[in-house]
Amino acid sequence: MENYFGQLALATGLGLPIAVIGAGLGQGIAIYGAVQGMARQPEASGTIQTAMIIGLALIESLVIYALLMFFILQGKLPSVTQAIGAMGGAAGGGG
């Protein structure tokens, strides 16, 4: 069971930063493409901007979903006192 909590803590601690990094890269690429498109065709800037904003909203919704999963998984972790007690009980019972 201790291995489960360790993996859960690792997933909780690394899952959100990975999602945020991926979303940041995706948003940067989307904005770069939109700005390039607007520079090449200024008359289509309204359409490009609308599509860019919809795309950015969808990317951001994935980050919000990752944040929700972070809070759900955070609630499944034991408290610090329970974790220390489990480690102390495991260390004391090995001999």
N, C-alpha and C. Protein backbone atom coordinates (compact mmCIF):
# COMPACT_ATOMS: atom_id res chain seq x y z
N MET A 1 0.82 -1.20 0.00
CA MET A 1 0.00 0.00 0.00
C MET A 1 0.86 1.26 0.00
N GLU A 2 2.07 1.17 0.59
CA GLU A 2 2.96 2.32 0.63
C GLU A 2 3.42 2.68 -0.78
N ASN A 3 3.64 1.69 -1.62
CA ASN A 3 4.05 1.94 -2.99
C ASN A 3 2.94 2.67 -3.75
N TYR A 4 1.71 2.31 -3.47
CA TYR A 4 0.57 2.98 -4.10
C TYR A 4 0.55 4.46 -3.75
N PHE A 5 0.74 4.77 -2.48
CA PHE A 5 0.72 6.17 -2.07
C PHE A 5 1.92 6.93 -2.63
N GLY A 6 3.04 6.28 -2.76
CA GLY A 6 4.20 6.92 -3.37
C GLY A 6 3.96 7.25 -4.83
N GLN A 7 3.38 6.31 -5.54
CA GLN A 7 3.07 6.56 -6.95
C GLN A 7 1.98 7.62 -7.09
N LEU A 8 1.02 7.62 -6.19
CA LEU A 8 -0.03 8.62 -6.22
C LEU A 8 0.54 10.01 -5.95
N ALA A 9 1.46 10.11 -5.00
CA ALA A 9 2.09 11.40 -4.71
C ALA A 9 2.93 11.87 -5.90
N LEU A 10 3.61 10.94 -6.56
CA LEU A 10 4.40 11.30 -7.74
C LEU A 10 3.49 11.77 -8.88
N ALA A 11 2.39 11.08 -9.10
CA ALA A 11 1.44 11.48 -10.14
C ALA A 11 0.82 12.84 -9.82
N THR A 12 0.52 13.06 -8.56
CA THR A 12 -0.08 14.33 -8.16
C THR A 12 0.91 15.47 -8.32
N GLY A 13 2.14 15.23 -7.95
CA GLY A 13 3.16 16.29 -8.02
C GLY A 13 3.69 16.57 -9.41
N LEU A 14 3.65 15.59 -10.29
CA LEU A 14 4.19 15.78 -11.64
C LEU A 14 3.13 15.97 -12.72
N GLY A 15 1.93 15.49 -12.47
CA GLY A 15 0.89 15.55 -13.49
C GLY A 15 0.50 16.97 -13.87
N LEU A 16 0.27 17.80 -12.89
CA LEU A 16 -0.14 19.18 -13.17
C LEU A 16 0.96 19.98 -13.84
N PRO A 17 2.20 19.93 -13.37
CA PRO A 17 3.24 20.70 -14.08
C PRO A 17 3.44 20.24 -15.53
N ILE A 18 3.34 18.95 -15.79
CA ILE A 18 3.48 18.47 -17.17
C ILE A 18 2.33 19.00 -18.02
N ALA A 19 1.12 19.00 -17.48
CA ALA A 19 -0.03 19.53 -18.22
C ALA A 19 0.12 21.02 -18.48
N VAL A 20 0.63 21.75 -17.51
CA VAL A 20 0.80 23.19 -17.68
C VAL A 20 1.88 23.50 -18.70
N ILE A 21 2.97 22.74 -18.68
CA ILE A 21 4.04 22.95 -19.67
C ILE A 21 3.52 22.65 -21.07
N GLY A 22 2.80 21.55 -21.22
CA GLY A 22 2.24 21.21 -22.52
C GLY A 22 1.25 22.25 -23.02
N ALA A 23 0.41 22.74 -22.11
CA ALA A 23 -0.56 23.77 -22.51
C ALA A 23 0.13 25.07 -22.86
N GLY A 24 1.16 25.42 -22.13
CA GLY A 24 1.90 26.64 -22.44
C GLY A 24 2.56 26.57 -23.81
N LEU A 25 3.15 25.42 -24.11
CA LEU A 25 3.75 25.24 -25.44
C LEU A 25 2.68 25.28 -26.53
N GLY A 26 1.56 24.62 -26.29
CA GLY A 26 0.48 24.62 -27.27
C GLY A 26 -0.09 26.01 -27.51
N GLN A 27 -0.26 26.78 -26.44
CA GLN A 27 -0.78 28.13 -26.60
C GLN A 27 0.22 29.01 -27.34
N GLY A 28 1.49 28.84 -27.04
CA GLY A 28 2.51 29.62 -27.74
C GLY A 28 2.53 29.32 -29.23
N ILE A 29 2.42 28.05 -29.57
CA ILE A 29 2.40 27.67 -30.99
C ILE A 29 1.14 28.19 -31.66
N ALA A 30 0.00 28.14 -30.97
CA ALA A 30 -1.25 28.63 -31.55
C ALA A 30 -1.19 30.13 -31.80
N ILE A 31 -0.67 30.86 -30.83
CA ILE A 31 -0.58 32.31 -31.00
C ILE A 31 0.43 32.65 -32.09
N TYR A 32 1.52 31.94 -32.15
CA TYR A 32 2.52 32.17 -33.20
C TYR A 32 1.89 31.97 -34.59
N GLY A 33 1.14 30.89 -34.76
CA GLY A 33 0.50 30.64 -36.04
C GLY A 33 -0.55 31.69 -36.38
N ALA A 34 -1.30 32.14 -35.37
CA ALA A 34 -2.32 33.15 -35.62
C ALA A 34 -1.69 34.49 -36.00
N VAL A 35 -0.63 34.85 -35.32
CA VAL A 35 0.04 36.12 -35.65
C VAL A 35 0.66 36.04 -37.04
N GLN A 36 1.23 34.90 -37.38
CA GLN A 36 1.79 34.73 -38.73
C GLN A 36 0.69 34.85 -39.78
N GLY A 37 -0.45 34.23 -39.53
CA GLY A 37 -1.57 34.30 -40.46
C GLY A 37 -2.12 35.71 -40.60
N MET A 38 -2.20 36.44 -39.47
CA MET A 38 -2.68 37.82 -39.54
C MET A 38 -1.70 38.72 -40.26
N ALA A 39 -0.40 38.45 -40.13
CA ALA A 39 0.59 39.25 -40.81
C ALA A 39 0.54 39.02 -42.32
N ARG A 40 0.24 37.80 -42.72
CA ARG A 40 0.20 37.49 -44.16
C ARG A 40 -1.11 37.91 -44.80
N GLN A 41 -2.21 37.82 -44.05
CA GLN A 41 -3.52 38.19 -44.59
C GLN A 41 -4.26 39.05 -43.57
N PRO A 42 -3.97 40.34 -43.55
CA PRO A 42 -4.62 41.22 -42.55
C PRO A 42 -6.13 41.27 -42.68
N GLU A 43 -6.66 41.04 -43.87
CA GLU A 43 -8.12 41.09 -44.05
C GLU A 43 -8.83 39.92 -43.37
N ALA A 44 -8.11 38.84 -43.11
CA ALA A 44 -8.70 37.68 -42.45
C ALA A 44 -8.41 37.64 -40.95
N SER A 45 -7.94 38.76 -40.40
CA SER A 45 -7.52 38.76 -39.00
C SER A 45 -8.67 38.48 -38.04
N GLY A 46 -9.88 38.94 -38.37
CA GLY A 46 -11.02 38.68 -37.47
C GLY A 46 -11.34 37.20 -37.37
N THR A 47 -11.34 36.51 -38.50
CA THR A 47 -11.62 35.07 -38.51
C THR A 47 -10.51 34.30 -37.82
N ILE A 48 -9.27 34.70 -38.08
CA ILE A 48 -8.13 34.01 -37.47
C ILE A 48 -8.14 34.21 -35.96
N GLN A 49 -8.44 35.43 -35.54
CA GLN A 49 -8.46 35.73 -34.10
C GLN A 49 -9.57 34.94 -33.39
N THR A 50 -10.73 34.83 -34.02
CA THR A 50 -11.82 34.07 -33.42
C THR A 50 -11.44 32.60 -33.26
N ALA A 51 -10.86 32.03 -34.30
CA ALA A 51 -10.44 30.62 -34.23
C ALA A 51 -9.34 30.43 -33.19
N MET A 52 -8.44 31.41 -33.08
CA MET A 52 -7.37 31.32 -32.09
C MET A 52 -7.93 31.35 -30.67
N ILE A 53 -8.89 32.23 -30.42
CA ILE A 53 -9.46 32.34 -29.07
C ILE A 53 -10.21 31.06 -28.70
N ILE A 54 -10.94 30.49 -29.64
CA ILE A 54 -11.63 29.22 -29.37
C ILE A 54 -10.62 28.11 -29.08
N GLY A 55 -9.55 28.06 -29.85
CA GLY A 55 -8.51 27.06 -29.62
C GLY A 55 -7.82 27.24 -28.28
N LEU A 56 -7.53 28.48 -27.91
CA LEU A 56 -6.90 28.74 -26.62
C LEU A 56 -7.83 28.36 -25.47
N ALA A 57 -9.13 28.60 -25.64
CA ALA A 57 -10.08 28.21 -24.59
C ALA A 57 -10.12 26.70 -24.42
N LEU A 58 -10.05 25.97 -25.52
CA LEU A 58 -10.04 24.50 -25.42
C LEU A 58 -8.76 24.00 -24.76
N ILE A 59 -7.63 24.61 -25.11
CA ILE A 59 -6.36 24.23 -24.47
C ILE A 59 -6.42 24.52 -22.97
N GLU A 60 -6.95 25.67 -22.60
CA GLU A 60 -7.02 26.04 -21.20
C GLU A 60 -7.99 25.14 -20.44
N SER A 61 -9.02 24.65 -21.10
CA SER A 61 -9.96 23.75 -20.42
C SER A 61 -9.27 22.44 -20.04
N LEU A 62 -8.30 22.01 -20.83
CA LEU A 62 -7.55 20.80 -20.47
C LEU A 62 -6.70 21.03 -19.22
N VAL A 63 -6.15 22.23 -19.08
CA VAL A 63 -5.37 22.54 -17.88
C VAL A 63 -6.28 22.60 -16.66
N ILE A 64 -7.47 23.15 -16.82
CA ILE A 64 -8.43 23.19 -15.71
C ILE A 64 -8.83 21.77 -15.31
N TYR A 65 -9.00 20.89 -16.30
CA TYR A 65 -9.30 19.49 -16.00
C TYR A 65 -8.14 18.84 -15.24
N ALA A 66 -6.90 19.14 -15.64
CA ALA A 66 -5.74 18.60 -14.93
C ALA A 66 -5.69 19.12 -13.50
N LEU A 67 -6.06 20.39 -13.30
CA LEU A 67 -6.10 20.95 -11.96
C LEU A 67 -7.16 20.26 -11.11
N LEU A 68 -8.30 19.97 -11.70
CA LEU A 68 -9.36 19.24 -11.00
C LEU A 68 -8.87 17.85 -10.59
N MET A 69 -8.20 17.16 -11.50
CA MET A 69 -7.66 15.84 -11.17
C MET A 69 -6.60 15.94 -10.07
N PHE A 70 -5.81 17.00 -10.08
CA PHE A 70 -4.82 17.23 -9.03
C PHE A 70 -5.49 17.30 -7.67
N PHE A 71 -6.57 18.09 -7.57
CA PHE A 71 -7.25 18.22 -6.28
C PHE A 71 -7.91 16.91 -5.86
N ILE A 72 -8.46 16.17 -6.82
CA ILE A 72 -9.07 14.89 -6.48
C ILE A 72 -8.02 13.91 -5.96
N LEU A 73 -6.88 13.82 -6.66
CA LEU A 73 -5.82 12.91 -6.22
C LEU A 73 -5.18 13.37 -4.93
N GLN A 74 -5.09 14.67 -4.73
CA GLN A 74 -4.51 15.20 -3.49
C GLN A 74 -5.34 14.76 -2.29
N GLY A 75 -6.64 14.67 -2.46
CA GLY A 75 -7.50 14.24 -1.37
C GLY A 75 -7.37 12.76 -1.05
N LYS A 76 -6.83 11.97 -1.97
CA LYS A 76 -6.67 10.53 -1.75
C LYS A 76 -5.39 10.21 -0.97
N LEU A 77 -4.47 11.17 -0.90
CA LEU A 77 -3.21 10.92 -0.19
C LEU A 77 -3.43 10.94 1.31
N PRO A 78 -2.66 10.13 2.04
CA PRO A 78 -2.79 10.16 3.50
C PRO A 78 -2.16 11.43 4.06
N SER A 79 -2.53 11.78 5.28
CA SER A 79 -1.92 12.95 5.91
C SER A 79 -0.47 12.63 6.27
N VAL A 80 0.27 13.66 6.62
CA VAL A 80 1.69 13.48 6.95
C VAL A 80 1.85 12.59 8.18
N THR A 81 1.01 12.77 9.18
CA THR A 81 1.13 11.96 10.39
C THR A 81 0.82 10.48 10.10
N GLN A 82 -0.15 10.22 9.23
CA GLN A 82 -0.45 8.84 8.86
C GLN A 82 0.72 8.23 8.08
N ALA A 83 1.33 9.00 7.19
CA ALA A 83 2.45 8.49 6.41
C ALA A 83 3.65 8.19 7.29
N ILE A 84 3.94 9.10 8.23
CA ILE A 84 5.06 8.88 9.15
C ILE A 84 4.78 7.67 10.04
N GLY A 85 3.54 7.55 10.50
CA GLY A 85 3.18 6.39 11.32
C GLY A 85 3.31 5.09 10.55
N ALA A 86 2.94 5.09 9.27
CA ALA A 86 3.06 3.88 8.46
C ALA A 86 4.52 3.53 8.22
N MET A 87 5.36 4.53 8.02
CA MET A 87 6.79 4.26 7.83
C MET A 87 7.43 3.78 9.11
N GLY A 88 7.03 4.36 10.24
CA GLY A 88 7.57 3.92 11.52
C GLY A 88 7.13 2.52 11.86
N GLY A 89 5.88 2.19 11.54
CA GLY A 89 5.38 0.85 11.80
C GLY A 89 6.03 -0.18 10.91
N ALA A 90 6.32 0.18 9.68
CA ALA A 90 6.99 -0.74 8.76
C ALA A 90 8.43 -0.94 9.15
N ALA A 91 9.11 0.12 9.62
CA ALA A 91 10.51 0.01 10.00
C ALA A 91 10.67 -0.78 11.29
N GLY A 92 9.72 -0.60 12.22
CA GLY A 92 9.82 -1.28 13.50
C GLY A 92 9.46 -2.76 13.42
N GLY A 93 8.62 -3.13 12.43
CA GLY A 93 8.18 -4.50 12.34
C GLY A 93 9.10 -5.40 11.51
N GLY A 94 10.14 -4.84 10.97
CA GLY A 94 11.01 -5.61 10.08
C GLY A 94 11.99 -6.50 10.82
N GLY A 95 12.22 -6.27 12.08
CA GLY A 95 13.29 -6.97 12.78
C GLY A 95 12.79 -8.16 13.43
